[in-house]
Structure formats: structure tokens, C-alpha cells
Amino acid sequence: MKSPILTATVFAALVAQAAPGMALSLSPEEFHASRQMACVLAQQELGQLSEEEYGSKTHRVLAGFGETERDAVLAKALGYFDGLMFAITDDNEQAVARRLEDFTTSNT
């Protein structure tokens, strides 16, 4: 399993590079998409998606949003993902997997 800390760090760096100074005020559609994107990130972290499936799901979630909205959705999704890992040490792979599994099956 990839390190969720490393995944989140790389993702955060990409979002920060793409949208410096971006505000995270989301529309209801963006908010919903950010929750969906967080699920996609969790599935990827669990190894449930191939790279092709990850790309396809990501494009499907972000379809119809402009660049600024996509950046906001991705940043908020990262926040959800990071919040899921709160209080779990990186070396506790079972706890990480359990938390991600619970999130992906929660239909949120």
C-alpha cells in the first residue's frame, strides 16, 4: 500500500502549484464532487483502481467544471482525505485501510 501521507503530500503540492491563493468557497455541485473525488482518492490508495480507472473516474467527477472549480474540488477532496487519516500513524496500515474502506463504502 502506498503511503497516504506521501499521496496527500504530492497531491497538495500539485494543487498548490496549480492554484496559489485560491479560495475554497464551493457551490453545492463542487461540494458533492469533492466528496466523490475523496472517494476516488481513497479507492486509489487502497489499490482498488488501476491507473486507467483512476484517470477515468477523476475525469468523470471533474467533467463540466472550469479550471478554478476543478482546483477547488481537488483541494477540498484532499482536505477530506487528509482528515480521514487524522490520528492514524502512517505505519499502521491496517488502521489506514480500515478507515479508507469505511469511507469508500459510506456512500458519501
Protein backbone atom coordinates (compact mmCIF):
# COMPACT_ATOMS: atom_id res chain seq x y z
CA MET A 1 0.00 0.00 0.00
CA LYS A 2 1.27 3.45 -0.85
CA SER A 3 1.80 5.87 2.00
CA PRO A 4 -1.30 8.07 2.45
CA ILE A 5 0.92 10.83 3.77
CA LEU A 6 3.06 10.70 0.62
CA THR A 7 -0.01 10.59 -1.63
CA ALA A 8 -1.57 13.55 0.17
CA THR A 9 1.70 15.49 0.09
CA VAL A 10 2.16 15.01 -3.66
CA PHE A 11 -1.48 15.87 -4.31
CA ALA A 12 -1.23 19.00 -2.14
CA ALA A 13 1.87 20.13 -3.98
CA LEU A 14 0.10 19.75 -7.33
CA VAL A 15 -2.95 21.69 -6.16
CA ALA A 16 -0.81 24.43 -4.58
CA GLN A 17 1.19 24.78 -7.79
CA ALA A 18 -1.95 24.94 -9.90
CA ALA A 19 -3.89 27.45 -7.86
CA PRO A 20 -1.98 29.71 -5.49
CA GLY A 21 -4.27 31.92 -3.45
CA MET A 22 -7.43 30.05 -4.40
CA ALA A 23 -10.38 30.39 -2.02
CA LEU A 24 -12.31 27.27 -1.06
CA SER A 25 -15.85 28.57 -1.29
CA LEU A 26 -17.72 25.77 -3.03
CA SER A 27 -21.04 25.56 -4.80
CA PRO A 28 -23.26 22.57 -3.89
CA GLU A 29 -22.13 20.83 -7.10
CA GLU A 30 -18.46 21.41 -6.27
CA PHE A 31 -19.00 20.22 -2.71
CA HIS A 32 -20.60 16.99 -3.96
CA ALA A 33 -17.80 16.48 -6.49
CA SER A 34 -15.18 16.98 -3.78
CA ARG A 35 -16.73 14.18 -1.72
CA GLN A 36 -16.77 11.94 -4.80
CA MET A 37 -13.15 12.81 -5.55
CA ALA A 38 -12.16 11.97 -1.98
CA CYS A 39 -13.69 8.53 -2.53
CA VAL A 40 -11.69 8.14 -5.74
CA LEU A 41 -8.51 9.06 -3.83
CA ALA A 42 -9.36 6.53 -1.13
CA GLN A 43 -10.01 3.79 -3.70
CA GLN A 44 -6.70 4.58 -5.39
CA GLU A 45 -4.87 4.45 -2.08
CA LEU A 46 -6.44 1.04 -1.33
CA GLY A 47 -5.24 -0.27 -4.68
CA GLN A 48 -8.80 -0.79 -5.92
CA LEU A 49 -8.26 1.21 -9.11
CA SER A 50 -5.85 0.81 -11.98
CA GLU A 51 -4.22 3.98 -13.27
CA GLU A 52 -6.69 3.96 -16.15
CA GLU A 53 -9.68 3.57 -13.82
CA TYR A 54 -8.33 6.32 -11.57
CA GLY A 55 -7.98 8.68 -14.54
CA SER A 56 -11.42 7.81 -15.86
CA LYS A 57 -13.13 8.36 -12.51
CA THR A 58 -11.22 11.58 -11.92
CA HIS A 59 -12.23 12.94 -15.32
CA ARG A 60 -15.85 11.88 -14.76
CA VAL A 61 -16.01 13.64 -11.37
CA LEU A 62 -14.37 16.83 -12.68
CA ALA A 63 -16.23 16.97 -16.01
CA GLY A 64 -18.11 20.21 -16.54
CA PHE A 65 -16.05 22.27 -14.11
CA GLY A 66 -13.73 25.05 -15.17
CA GLU A 67 -10.08 25.09 -14.13
CA THR A 68 -10.67 27.17 -11.00
CA GLU A 69 -13.58 24.99 -9.90
CA ARG A 70 -11.58 21.80 -10.55
CA ASP A 71 -8.75 23.15 -8.42
CA ALA A 72 -11.18 23.95 -5.60
CA VAL A 73 -12.78 20.49 -5.84
CA LEU A 74 -9.37 18.80 -5.77
CA ALA A 75 -8.18 20.89 -2.82
CA LYS A 76 -11.32 20.13 -0.81
CA ALA A 77 -11.07 16.42 -1.69
CA LEU A 78 -7.53 16.44 -0.38
CA GLY A 79 -8.81 18.02 2.83
CA TYR A 80 -11.31 15.19 3.25
CA PHE A 81 -8.65 12.61 2.53
CA ASP A 82 -6.22 14.23 4.95
CA GLY A 83 -8.95 14.41 7.59
CA LEU A 84 -9.62 10.70 7.22
CA MET A 85 -6.04 9.97 8.21
CA PHE A 86 -6.13 12.22 11.29
CA ALA A 87 -4.79 10.42 14.37
CA ILE A 88 -3.64 7.34 12.44
CA THR A 89 0.08 6.77 12.26
CA ASP A 90 1.49 6.13 8.81
CA ASP A 91 2.93 2.78 9.88
CA ASN A 92 -0.46 1.40 10.97
CA GLU A 93 -1.50 0.04 7.58
CA GLN A 94 -4.48 -1.90 8.95
CA ALA A 95 -5.99 1.20 10.56
CA VAL A 96 -5.39 3.23 7.40
CA ALA A 97 -7.01 0.56 5.22
CA ARG A 98 -9.96 0.17 7.60
CA ARG A 99 -10.60 3.92 7.70
CA LEU A 100 -10.42 4.20 3.90
CA GLU A 101 -12.66 1.14 3.41
CA ASP A 102 -15.24 2.60 5.79
CA PHE A 103 -15.20 5.89 3.89
CA THR A 104 -15.49 4.36 0.42
CA THR A 105 -18.45 2.20 1.50
CA SER A 106 -20.24 5.03 3.35
CA ASN A 107 -21.84 6.41 0.16
CA THR A 108 -20.72 9.93 0.99
